């Protein structure tokens, strides 16, 4: 079966899965910079702040027209450890198997 989504979405998801942001230590830097590039290329205002150079946070803002209430979305890019767990596939490979990523 599988989900019918476009190649861009599949490639984006695979790329995001490929960032090993296991916490600790986190190391979200490369993933955050990647995401910032996408948002900037689409005209969003971005700001990066962080505890240090590896533990970054990305704020993205898109100016609306004032015709609807503001919308706040929140997400994380760090993940729990995969060590000591049984995996059919490398958890950071983003492999397509049986119609799933």
PDB file of N, CA and C in Angstrom:
ATOM      1  N   UNK A   1       0.848  -1.172   0.000  1.00  0.00           N
ATOM      2  CA  UNK A   1       0.000   0.000   0.000  1.00  0.00           C
ATOM      3  C   UNK A   1       0.892   1.232   0.000  1.00  0.00           C
ATOM      4  N   UNK A   2       1.068   1.959   1.069  1.00  0.00           N
ATOM      5  CA  UNK A   2       1.934   3.128   1.104  1.00  0.00           C
ATOM      6  C   UNK A   2       1.154   4.414   0.893  1.00  0.00           C
ATOM      7  N   UNK A   3       1.815   5.491   1.191  1.00  0.00           N
ATOM      8  CA  UNK A   3       1.204   6.809   1.095  1.00  0.00           C
ATOM      9  C   UNK A   3       1.558   7.421  -0.253  1.00  0.00           C
ATOM     10  N   UNK A   4       0.602   8.040  -0.902  1.00  0.00           N
ATOM     11  CA  UNK A   4       0.840   8.692  -2.178  1.00  0.00           C
ATOM     12  C   UNK A   4       1.230  10.153  -1.924  1.00  0.00           C
ATOM     13  N   UNK A   5       2.534  10.401  -1.870  1.00  0.00           N
ATOM     14  CA  UNK A   5       3.027  11.764  -1.710  1.00  0.00           C
ATOM     15  C   UNK A   5       4.080  12.033  -2.768  1.00  0.00           C
ATOM     16  N   UNK A   6       4.357  13.277  -3.012  1.00  0.00           N
ATOM     17  CA  UNK A   6       5.272  13.634  -4.093  1.00  0.00           C
ATOM     18  C   UNK A   6       6.729  13.372  -3.714  1.00  0.00           C
ATOM     19  N   UNK A   7       7.569  13.344  -4.740  1.00  0.00           N
ATOM     20  CA  UNK A   7       8.993  13.072  -4.551  1.00  0.00           C
ATOM     21  C   UNK A   7       9.664  14.095  -3.648  1.00  0.00           C
ATOM     22  N   UNK A   8       9.281  15.373  -3.755  1.00  0.00           N
ATOM     23  CA  UNK A   8       9.873  16.400  -2.897  1.00  0.00           C
ATOM     24  C   UNK A   8       9.657  16.063  -1.431  1.00  0.00           C
ATOM     25  N   UNK A   9       8.434  15.695  -1.069  1.00  0.00           N
ATOM     26  CA  UNK A   9       8.115  15.381   0.326  1.00  0.00           C
ATOM     27  C   UNK A   9       8.880  14.163   0.801  1.00  0.00           C
ATOM     28  N   UNK A  10       8.982  13.155  -0.036  1.00  0.00           N
ATOM     29  CA  UNK A  10       9.729  11.952   0.324  1.00  0.00           C
ATOM     30  C   UNK A  10      11.197  12.290   0.534  1.00  0.00           C
ATOM     31  N   UNK A  11      11.779  13.023  -0.404  1.00  0.00           N
ATOM     32  CA  UNK A  11      13.192  13.393  -0.282  1.00  0.00           C
ATOM     33  C   UNK A  11      13.451  14.261   0.942  1.00  0.00           C
ATOM     34  N   UNK A  12      12.541  15.183   1.238  1.00  0.00           N
ATOM     35  CA  UNK A  12      12.680  16.035   2.407  1.00  0.00           C
ATOM     36  C   UNK A  12      12.642  15.197   3.686  1.00  0.00           C
ATOM     37  N   UNK A  13      11.681  14.312   3.796  1.00  0.00           N
ATOM     38  CA  UNK A  13      11.581  13.464   4.978  1.00  0.00           C
ATOM     39  C   UNK A  13      12.829  12.596   5.138  1.00  0.00           C
ATOM     40  N   UNK A  14      13.315  12.009   4.057  1.00  0.00           N
ATOM     41  CA  UNK A  14      14.516  11.189   4.120  1.00  0.00           C
ATOM     42  C   UNK A  14      15.720  12.013   4.575  1.00  0.00           C
ATOM     43  N   UNK A  15      15.830  13.232   4.071  1.00  0.00           N
ATOM     44  CA  UNK A  15      16.937  14.102   4.471  1.00  0.00           C
ATOM     45  C   UNK A  15      16.848  14.430   5.951  1.00  0.00           C
ATOM     46  N   UNK A  16      15.653  14.750   6.438  1.00  0.00           N
ATOM     47  CA  UNK A  16      15.484  15.081   7.859  1.00  0.00           C
ATOM     48  C   UNK A  16      15.776  13.884   8.757  1.00  0.00           C
ATOM     49  N   UNK A  17      15.353  12.697   8.340  1.00  0.00           N
ATOM     50  CA  UNK A  17      15.636  11.482   9.112  1.00  0.00           C
ATOM     51  C   UNK A  17      17.139  11.240   9.185  1.00  0.00           C
ATOM     52  N   UNK A  18      17.870  11.633   8.144  1.00  0.00           N
ATOM     53  CA  UNK A  18      19.303  11.393   8.075  1.00  0.00           C
ATOM     54  C   UNK A  18      20.142  12.194   9.050  1.00  0.00           C
ATOM     55  N   UNK A  19      19.590  13.246   9.638  1.00  0.00           N
ATOM     56  CA  UNK A  19      20.339  14.024  10.623  1.00  0.00           C
ATOM     57  C   UNK A  19      20.299  13.292  11.964  1.00  0.00           C
ATOM     58  N   UNK A  20      21.452  12.879  12.449  1.00  0.00           N
ATOM     59  CA  UNK A  20      21.503  12.207  13.745  1.00  0.00           C
ATOM     60  C   UNK A  20      21.564  13.267  14.839  1.00  0.00           C
ATOM     61  N   UNK A  21      20.414  13.570  15.384  1.00  0.00           N
ATOM     62  CA  UNK A  21      20.303  14.579  16.436  1.00  0.00           C
ATOM     63  C   UNK A  21      20.009  13.931  17.785  1.00  0.00           C
ATOM     64  N   UNK A  22      20.551  12.726  17.984  1.00  0.00           N
ATOM     65  CA  UNK A  22      20.319  11.997  19.229  1.00  0.00           C
ATOM     66  C   UNK A  22      20.712  12.864  20.428  1.00  0.00           C
ATOM     67  N   UNK A  23      19.815  12.922  21.400  1.00  0.00           N
ATOM     68  CA  UNK A  23      20.028  13.705  22.608  1.00  0.00           C
ATOM     69  C   UNK A  23      20.082  12.782  23.814  1.00  0.00           C
ATOM     70  N   UNK A  24      21.169  12.800  24.604  1.00  0.00           N
ATOM     71  CA  UNK A  24      22.305  13.690  24.433  1.00  0.00           C
ATOM     72  C   UNK A  24      23.253  13.201  23.347  1.00  0.00           C
ATOM     73  N   UNK A  25      24.020  14.051  22.750  1.00  0.00           N
ATOM     74  CA  UNK A  25      24.237  15.467  23.052  1.00  0.00           C
ATOM     75  C   UNK A  25      23.310  16.404  22.293  1.00  0.00           C
ATOM     76  N   UNK A  26      22.594  15.935  21.276  1.00  0.00           N
ATOM     77  CA  UNK A  26      21.702  16.794  20.495  1.00  0.00           C
ATOM     78  C   UNK A  26      22.270  17.085  19.124  1.00  0.00           C
ATOM     79  N   UNK A  27      23.226  17.986  19.063  1.00  0.00           N
ATOM     80  CA  UNK A  27      23.874  18.350  17.793  1.00  0.00           C
ATOM     81  C   UNK A  27      22.864  18.661  16.689  1.00  0.00           C
ATOM     82  N   UNK A  28      21.930  19.528  16.978  1.00  0.00           N
ATOM     83  CA  UNK A  28      20.884  19.884  16.026  1.00  0.00           C
ATOM     84  C   UNK A  28      21.358  20.866  14.953  1.00  0.00           C
ATOM     85  N   UNK A  29      22.560  21.381  15.070  1.00  0.00           N
ATOM     86  CA  UNK A  29      23.062  22.461  14.221  1.00  0.00           C
ATOM     87  C   UNK A  29      22.811  22.239  12.730  1.00  0.00           C
ATOM     88  N   UNK A  30      23.299  21.147  12.167  1.00  0.00           N
ATOM     89  CA  UNK A  30      23.183  20.924  10.722  1.00  0.00           C
ATOM     90  C   UNK A  30      21.729  20.822  10.282  1.00  0.00           C
ATOM     91  N   UNK A  31      20.903  20.188  11.073  1.00  0.00           N
ATOM     92  CA  UNK A  31      19.482  20.065  10.741  1.00  0.00           C
ATOM     93  C   UNK A  31      18.800  21.433  10.774  1.00  0.00           C
ATOM     94  N   UNK A  32      19.101  22.221  11.785  1.00  0.00           N
ATOM     95  CA  UNK A  32      18.506  23.555  11.909  1.00  0.00           C
ATOM     96  C   UNK A  32      18.936  24.447  10.748  1.00  0.00           C
ATOM     97  N   UNK A  33      20.218  24.402  10.386  1.00  0.00           N
ATOM     98  CA  UNK A  33      20.694  25.213   9.264  1.00  0.00           C
ATOM     99  C   UNK A  33      20.047  24.771   7.952  1.00  0.00           C
ATOM    100  N   UNK A  34      19.852  23.482   7.781  1.00  0.00           N
ATOM    101  CA  UNK A  34      19.164  22.953   6.600  1.00  0.00           C
ATOM    102  C   UNK A  34      17.730  23.486   6.532  1.00  0.00           C
ATOM    103  N   UNK A  35      17.012  23.391   7.644  1.00  0.00           N
ATOM    104  CA  UNK A  35      15.630  23.873   7.689  1.00  0.00           C
ATOM    105  C   UNK A  35      15.554  25.379   7.479  1.00  0.00           C
ATOM    106  N   UNK A  36      16.483  26.108   8.066  1.00  0.00           N
ATOM    107  CA  UNK A  36      16.490  27.552   7.876  1.00  0.00           C
ATOM    108  C   UNK A  36      16.612  27.899   6.387  1.00  0.00           C
ATOM    109  N   UNK A  37      17.476  27.179   5.681  1.00  0.00           N
ATOM    110  CA  UNK A  37      17.649  27.422   4.254  1.00  0.00           C
ATOM    111  C   UNK A  37      16.367  27.229   3.465  1.00  0.00           C
ATOM    112  N   UNK A  38      15.620  26.208   3.814  1.00  0.00           N
ATOM    113  CA  UNK A  38      14.343  25.954   3.141  1.00  0.00           C
ATOM    114  C   UNK A  38      13.369  27.099   3.403  1.00  0.00           C
ATOM    115  N   UNK A  39      13.218  27.471   4.670  1.00  0.00           N
ATOM    116  CA  UNK A  39      12.268  28.534   5.004  1.00  0.00           C
ATOM    117  C   UNK A  39      12.672  29.870   4.379  1.00  0.00           C
ATOM    118  N   UNK A  40      13.957  30.198   4.430  1.00  0.00           N
ATOM    119  CA  UNK A  40      14.415  31.455   3.827  1.00  0.00           C
ATOM    120  C   UNK A  40      14.144  31.479   2.331  1.00  0.00           C
ATOM    121  N   UNK A  41      14.363  30.347   1.665  1.00  0.00           N
ATOM    122  CA  UNK A  41      14.152  30.299   0.220  1.00  0.00           C
ATOM    123  C   UNK A  41      12.684  30.503  -0.154  1.00  0.00           C
ATOM    124  N   UNK A  42      11.785  30.292   0.796  1.00  0.00           N
ATOM    125  CA  UNK A  42      10.352  30.483   0.567  1.00  0.00           C
ATOM    126  C   UNK A  42       9.845  31.822   1.090  1.00  0.00           C
ATOM    127  N   UNK A  43      10.769  32.684   1.529  1.00  0.00           N
ATOM    128  CA  UNK A  43      10.385  34.032   1.935  1.00  0.00           C
ATOM    129  C   UNK A  43      10.056  34.230   3.402  1.00  0.00           C
ATOM    130  N   UNK A  44      10.307  33.240   4.231  1.00  0.00           N
ATOM    131  CA  UNK A  44      10.051  33.378   5.663  1.00  0.00           C
ATOM    132  C   UNK A  44      11.196  34.123   6.338  1.00  0.00           C
ATOM    133  N   UNK A  45      10.895  34.848   7.380  1.00  0.00           N
ATOM    134  CA  UNK A  45      11.918  35.466   8.219  1.00  0.00           C
ATOM    135  C   UNK A  45      12.360  34.417   9.232  1.00  0.00           C
ATOM    136  N   UNK A  46      13.669  34.299   9.441  1.00  0.00           N
ATOM    137  CA  UNK A  46      14.172  33.299  10.385  1.00  0.00           C
ATOM    138  C   UNK A  46      15.116  33.945  11.380  1.00  0.00           C
ATOM    139  N   UNK A  47      15.236  33.293  12.525  1.00  0.00           N
ATOM    140  CA  UNK A  47      16.199  33.696  13.546  1.00  0.00           C
ATOM    141  C   UNK A  47      16.682  32.432  14.232  1.00  0.00           C
ATOM    142  N   UNK A  48      17.989  32.334  14.408  1.00  0.00           N
ATOM    143  CA  UNK A  48      18.568  31.192  15.111  1.00  0.00           C
ATOM    144  C   UNK A  48      19.154  31.680  16.425  1.00  0.00           C
ATOM    145  N   UNK A  49      18.789  31.002  17.505  1.00  0.00           N
ATOM    146  CA  UNK A  49      19.393  31.245  18.808  1.00  0.00           C
ATOM    147  C   UNK A  49      19.708  29.882  19.402  1.00  0.00           C
ATOM    148  N   UNK A  50      20.551  29.859  20.407  1.00  0.00           N
ATOM    149  CA  UNK A  50      20.847  28.571  21.014  1.00  0.00           C
ATOM    150  C   UNK A  50      21.700  28.675  22.250  1.00  0.00           C
ATOM    151  N   UNK A  51      21.684  27.603  22.989  1.00  0.00           N
ATOM    152  CA  UNK A  51      22.476  27.478  24.206  1.00  0.00           C
ATOM    153  C   UNK A  51      23.969  27.520  23.870  1.00  0.00           C
ATOM    154  N   UNK A  52      24.321  26.884  22.734  1.00  0.00           N
ATOM    155  CA  UNK A  52      25.684  26.903  22.215  1.00  0.00           C
ATOM    156  C   UNK A  52      25.609  26.653  20.707  1.00  0.00           C
ATOM    157  N   UNK A  53      26.761  26.541  20.061  1.00  0.00           N
ATOM    158  CA  UNK A  53      26.778  26.407  18.592  1.00  0.00           C
ATOM    159  C   UNK A  53      26.192  25.099  18.069  1.00  0.00           C
ATOM    160  N   UNK A  54      26.037  24.100  18.904  1.00  0.00           N
ATOM    161  CA  UNK A  54      25.492  22.809  18.465  1.00  0.00           C
ATOM    162  C   UNK A  54      24.033  22.612  18.855  1.00  0.00           C
ATOM    163  N   UNK A  55      23.541  23.327  19.849  1.00  0.00           N
ATOM    164  CA  UNK A  55      22.170  23.183  20.349  1.00  0.00           C
ATOM    165  C   UNK A  55      21.363  24.404  19.939  1.00  0.00           C
ATOM    166  N   UNK A  56      21.039  24.482  18.661  1.00  0.00           N
ATOM    167  CA  UNK A  56      20.376  25.649  18.101  1.00  0.00           C
ATOM    168  C   UNK A  56      18.861  25.493  18.056  1.00  0.00           C
ATOM    169  N   UNK A  57      18.199  26.625  18.076  1.00  0.00           N
ATOM    170  CA  UNK A  57      16.747  26.699  17.905  1.00  0.00           C
ATOM    171  C   UNK A  57      16.455  27.612  16.735  1.00  0.00           C
ATOM    172  N   UNK A  58      15.449  27.262  15.959  1.00  0.00           N
ATOM    173  CA  UNK A  58      15.062  28.041  14.790  1.00  0.00           C
ATOM    174  C   UNK A  58      13.680  28.633  15.003  1.00  0.00           C
ATOM    175  N   UNK A  59      13.600  29.939  14.865  1.00  0.00           N
ATOM    176  CA  UNK A  59      12.316  30.634  14.887  1.00  0.00           C
ATOM    177  C   UNK A  59      12.011  31.072  13.464  1.00  0.00           C
ATOM    178  N   UNK A  60      10.802  30.799  13.027  1.00  0.00           N
ATOM    179  CA  UNK A  60      10.387  31.145  11.670  1.00  0.00           C
ATOM    180  C   UNK A  60       9.126  32.001  11.774  1.00  0.00           C
ATOM    181  N   UNK A  61       9.094  33.075  11.013  1.00  0.00           N
ATOM    182  CA  UNK A  61       7.949  33.974  11.060  1.00  0.00           C
ATOM    183  C   UNK A  61       7.492  34.290   9.641  1.00  0.00           C
ATOM    184  N   UNK A  62       6.207  34.225   9.442  1.00  0.00           N
ATOM    185  CA  UNK A  62       5.616  34.623   8.171  1.00  0.00           C
ATOM    186  C   UNK A  62       4.530  35.636   8.476  1.00  0.00           C
ATOM    187  N   UNK A  63       4.677  36.812   7.922  1.00  0.00           N
ATOM    188  CA  UNK A  63       3.731  37.890   8.190  1.00  0.00           C
ATOM    189  C   UNK A  63       2.400  37.614   7.487  1.00  0.00           C
ATOM    190  N   UNK A  64       1.347  37.570   8.261  1.00  0.00           N
ATOM    191  CA  UNK A  64       0.017  37.367   7.695  1.00  0.00           C
ATOM    192  C   UNK A  64      -0.619  38.680   7.278  1.00  0.00           C
ATOM    193  N   UNK A  65      -1.874  38.617   6.916  1.00  0.00           N
ATOM    194  CA  UNK A  65      -2.618  39.810   6.493  1.00  0.00           C
ATOM    195  C   UNK A  65      -3.492  40.368   7.614  1.00  0.00           C
ATOM    196  N   UNK A  66      -3.480  39.713   8.764  1.00  0.00           N
ATOM    197  CA  UNK A  66      -4.297  40.164   9.880  1.00  0.00           C
ATOM    198  C   UNK A  66      -5.750  39.767   9.762  1.00  0.00           C
ATOM    199  N   UNK A  67      -6.044  38.823   8.865  1.00  0.00           N
ATOM    200  CA  UNK A  67      -7.435  38.411   8.639  1.00  0.00           C
ATOM    201  C   UNK A  67      -7.832  37.188   9.456  1.00  0.00           C
ATOM    202  N   UNK A  68      -6.865  36.597  10.132  1.00  0.00           N
ATOM    203  CA  UNK A  68      -7.120  35.402  10.936  1.00  0.00           C
ATOM    204  C   UNK A  68      -6.242  35.459  12.182  1.00  0.00           C
ATOM    205  N   UNK A  69      -6.613  34.709  13.215  1.00  0.00           N
ATOM    206  CA  UNK A  69      -5.781  34.693  14.415  1.00  0.00           C
ATOM    207  C   UNK A  69      -4.386  34.131  14.093  1.00  0.00           C
ATOM    208  N   UNK A  70      -3.385  34.524  14.868  1.00  0.00           N
ATOM    209  CA  UNK A  70      -2.044  33.974  14.657  1.00  0.00           C
ATOM    210  C   UNK A  70      -2.017  32.464  14.889  1.00  0.00           C
ATOM    211  N   UNK A  71      -1.086  31.812  14.242  1.00  0.00           N
ATOM    212  CA  UNK A  71      -0.907  30.373  14.392  1.00  0.00           C
ATOM    213  C   UNK A  71       0.512  30.116  14.867  1.00  0.00           C
ATOM    214  N   UNK A  72       0.659  29.350  15.930  1.00  0.00           N
ATOM    215  CA  UNK A  72       1.973  28.980  16.444  1.00  0.00           C
ATOM    216  C   UNK A  72       2.140  27.482  16.266  1.00  0.00           C
ATOM    217  N   UNK A  73       3.233  27.092  15.633  1.00  0.00           N
ATOM    218  CA  UNK A  73       3.552  25.676  15.479  1.00  0.00           C
ATOM    219  C   UNK A  73       4.891  25.442  16.170  1.00  0.00           C
ATOM    220  N   UNK A  74       5.015  24.291  16.817  1.00  0.00           N
ATOM    221  CA  UNK A  74       6.217  23.975  17.579  1.00  0.00           C
ATOM    222  C   UNK A  74       6.670  22.574  17.206  1.00  0.00           C
ATOM    223  N   UNK A  75       7.940  22.404  17.047  1.00  0.00           N
ATOM    224  CA  UNK A  75       8.465  21.082  16.745  1.00  0.00           C
ATOM    225  C   UNK A  75       9.863  20.923  17.312  1.00  0.00           C
ATOM    226  N   UNK A  76      10.315  19.710  17.347  1.00  0.00           N
ATOM    227  CA  UNK A  76      11.658  19.393  17.843  1.00  0.00           C
ATOM    228  C   UNK A  76      12.421  18.650  16.772  1.00  0.00           C
ATOM    229  N   UNK A  77      13.728  18.789  16.786  1.00  0.00           N
ATOM    230  CA  UNK A  77      14.540  18.021  15.855  1.00  0.00           C
ATOM    231  C   UNK A  77      15.452  17.036  16.569  1.00  0.00           C
ATOM    232  N   UNK A  78      15.560  17.116  17.899  1.00  0.00           N
ATOM    233  CA  UNK A  78      16.369  16.120  18.589  1.00  0.00           C
ATOM    234  C   UNK A  78      15.545  14.850  18.803  1.00  0.00           C
ATOM    235  N   UNK A  79      16.241  13.715  18.909  1.00  0.00           N
ATOM    236  CA  UNK A  79      15.572  12.423  19.065  1.00  0.00           C
ATOM    237  C   UNK A  79      16.191  11.649  20.223  1.00  0.00           C
ATOM    238  N   UNK A  80      15.456  10.667  20.724  1.00  0.00           N
ATOM    239  CA  UNK A  80      15.984   9.795  21.770  1.00  0.00           C
ATOM    240  C   UNK A  80      16.982   8.814  21.146  1.00  0.00           C
ATOM    241  N   UNK A  81      17.773   8.199  21.976  1.00  0.00           N
ATOM    242  CA  UNK A  81      18.810   7.291  21.496  1.00  0.00           C
ATOM    243  C   UNK A  81      18.223   6.077  20.773  1.00  0.00           C
ATOM    244  N   UNK A  82      18.972   5.603  19.812  1.00  0.00           N
ATOM    245  CA  UNK A  82      18.602   4.377  19.093  1.00  0.00           C
ATOM    246  C   UNK A  82      19.513   3.224  19.501  1.00  0.00           C
ATOM    247  N   UNK A  83      20.515   3.518  20.326  1.00  0.00           N
ATOM    248  CA  UNK A  83      21.463   2.489  20.742  1.00  0.00           C
ATOM    249  C   UNK A  83      20.779   1.429  21.599  1.00  0.00           C
ATOM    250  N   UNK A  84      21.193   0.183  21.383  1.00  0.00           N
ATOM    251  CA  UNK A  84      20.652  -0.927  22.155  1.00  0.00           C
ATOM    252  C   UNK A  84      19.259  -1.357  21.737  1.00  0.00           C
ATOM    253  N   UNK A  85      18.736  -0.805  20.670  1.00  0.00           N
ATOM    254  CA  UNK A  85      17.412  -1.163  20.166  1.00  0.00           C
ATOM    255  C   UNK A  85      17.566  -2.010  18.911  1.00  0.00           C
ATOM    256  N   UNK A  86      16.613  -2.867  18.656  1.00  0.00           N
ATOM    257  CA  UNK A  86      16.636  -3.680  17.448  1.00  0.00           C
ATOM    258  C   UNK A  86      15.932  -2.929  16.324  1.00  0.00           C
ATOM    259  N   UNK A  87      16.638  -2.760  15.217  1.00  0.00           N
ATOM    260  CA  UNK A  87      16.107  -2.058  14.065  1.00  0.00           C
ATOM    261  C   UNK A  87      16.230  -2.945  12.844  1.00  0.00           C
ATOM    262  N   UNK A  88      15.197  -2.975  12.044  1.00  0.00           N
ATOM    263  CA  UNK A  88      15.242  -3.706  10.776  1.00  0.00           C
ATOM    264  C   UNK A  88      16.147  -2.974   9.795  1.00  0.00           C
ATOM    265  N   UNK A  89      16.127  -1.635   9.865  1.00  0.00           N
ATOM    266  CA  UNK A  89      16.940  -0.781   9.004  1.00  0.00           C
ATOM    267  C   UNK A  89      17.640   0.247   9.878  1.00  0.00           C
ATOM    268  N   UNK A  90      18.727   0.802   9.379  1.00  0.00           N
ATOM    269  CA  UNK A  90      19.416   1.890  10.061  1.00  0.00           C
ATOM    270  C   UNK A  90      18.401   3.005  10.338  1.00  0.00           C
ATOM    271  N   UNK A  91      18.226   3.408  11.596  1.00  0.00           N
ATOM    272  CA  UNK A  91      17.197   4.399  11.909  1.00  0.00           C
ATOM    273  C   UNK A  91      17.436   5.778  11.288  1.00  0.00           C
ATOM    274  N   UNK A  92      18.642   6.042  10.810  1.00  0.00           N
ATOM    275  CA  UNK A  92      18.924   7.336  10.192  1.00  0.00           C
ATOM    276  C   UNK A  92      19.103   7.231   8.683  1.00  0.00           C
ATOM    277  N   UNK A  93      18.697   6.113   8.100  1.00  0.00           N
ATOM    278  CA  UNK A  93      18.860   5.913   6.659  1.00  0.00           C
ATOM    279  C   UNK A  93      17.673   6.470   5.850  1.00  0.00           C
ATOM    280  N   UNK A  94      16.504   6.510   6.436  1.00  0.00           N
ATOM    281  CA  UNK A  94      15.333   6.970   5.688  1.00  0.00           C
ATOM    282  C   UNK A  94      14.968   6.061   4.533  1.00  0.00           C
ATOM    283  N   UNK A  95      15.247   4.792   4.700  1.00  0.00           N
ATOM    284  CA  UNK A  95      15.011   3.805   3.640  1.00  0.00           C
ATOM    285  C   UNK A  95      13.512   3.575   3.434  1.00  0.00           C
ATOM    286  N   UNK A  96      13.132   3.398   2.181  1.00  0.00           N
ATOM    287  CA  UNK A  96      11.748   3.045   1.866  1.00  0.00           C
ATOM    288  C   UNK A  96      11.660   1.517   1.838  1.00  0.00           C
ATOM    289  N   UNK A  97      10.767   0.986   2.639  1.00  0.00           N
ATOM    290  CA  UNK A  97      10.590  -0.462   2.742  1.00  0.00           C
ATOM    291  C   UNK A  97       9.115  -0.771   2.975  1.00  0.00           C
ATOM    292  N   UNK A  98       8.570  -1.646   2.200  1.00  0.00           N
ATOM    293  CA  UNK A  98       7.158  -2.044   2.322  1.00  0.00           C
ATOM    294  C   UNK A  98       6.213  -0.843   2.272  1.00  0.00           C
ATOM    295  N   UNK A  99       6.551   0.146   1.433  1.00  0.00           N
ATOM    296  CA  UNK A  99       5.693   1.311   1.261  1.00  0.00           C
ATOM    297  C   UNK A  99       5.771   2.341   2.370  1.00  0.00           C
ATOM    298  N   UNK A 100       6.741   2.185   3.270  1.00  0.00           N
ATOM    299  CA  UNK A 100       6.905   3.113   4.385  1.00  0.00           C
ATOM    300  C   UNK A 100       8.340   3.627   4.416  1.00  0.00           C
ATOM    301  N   UNK A 101       8.509   4.786   5.013  1.00  0.00           N
ATOM    302  CA  UNK A 101       9.857   5.315   5.206  1.00  0.00           C
ATOM    303  C   UNK A 101      10.251   5.014   6.639  1.00  0.00           C
TER     304      UNK A 101
END
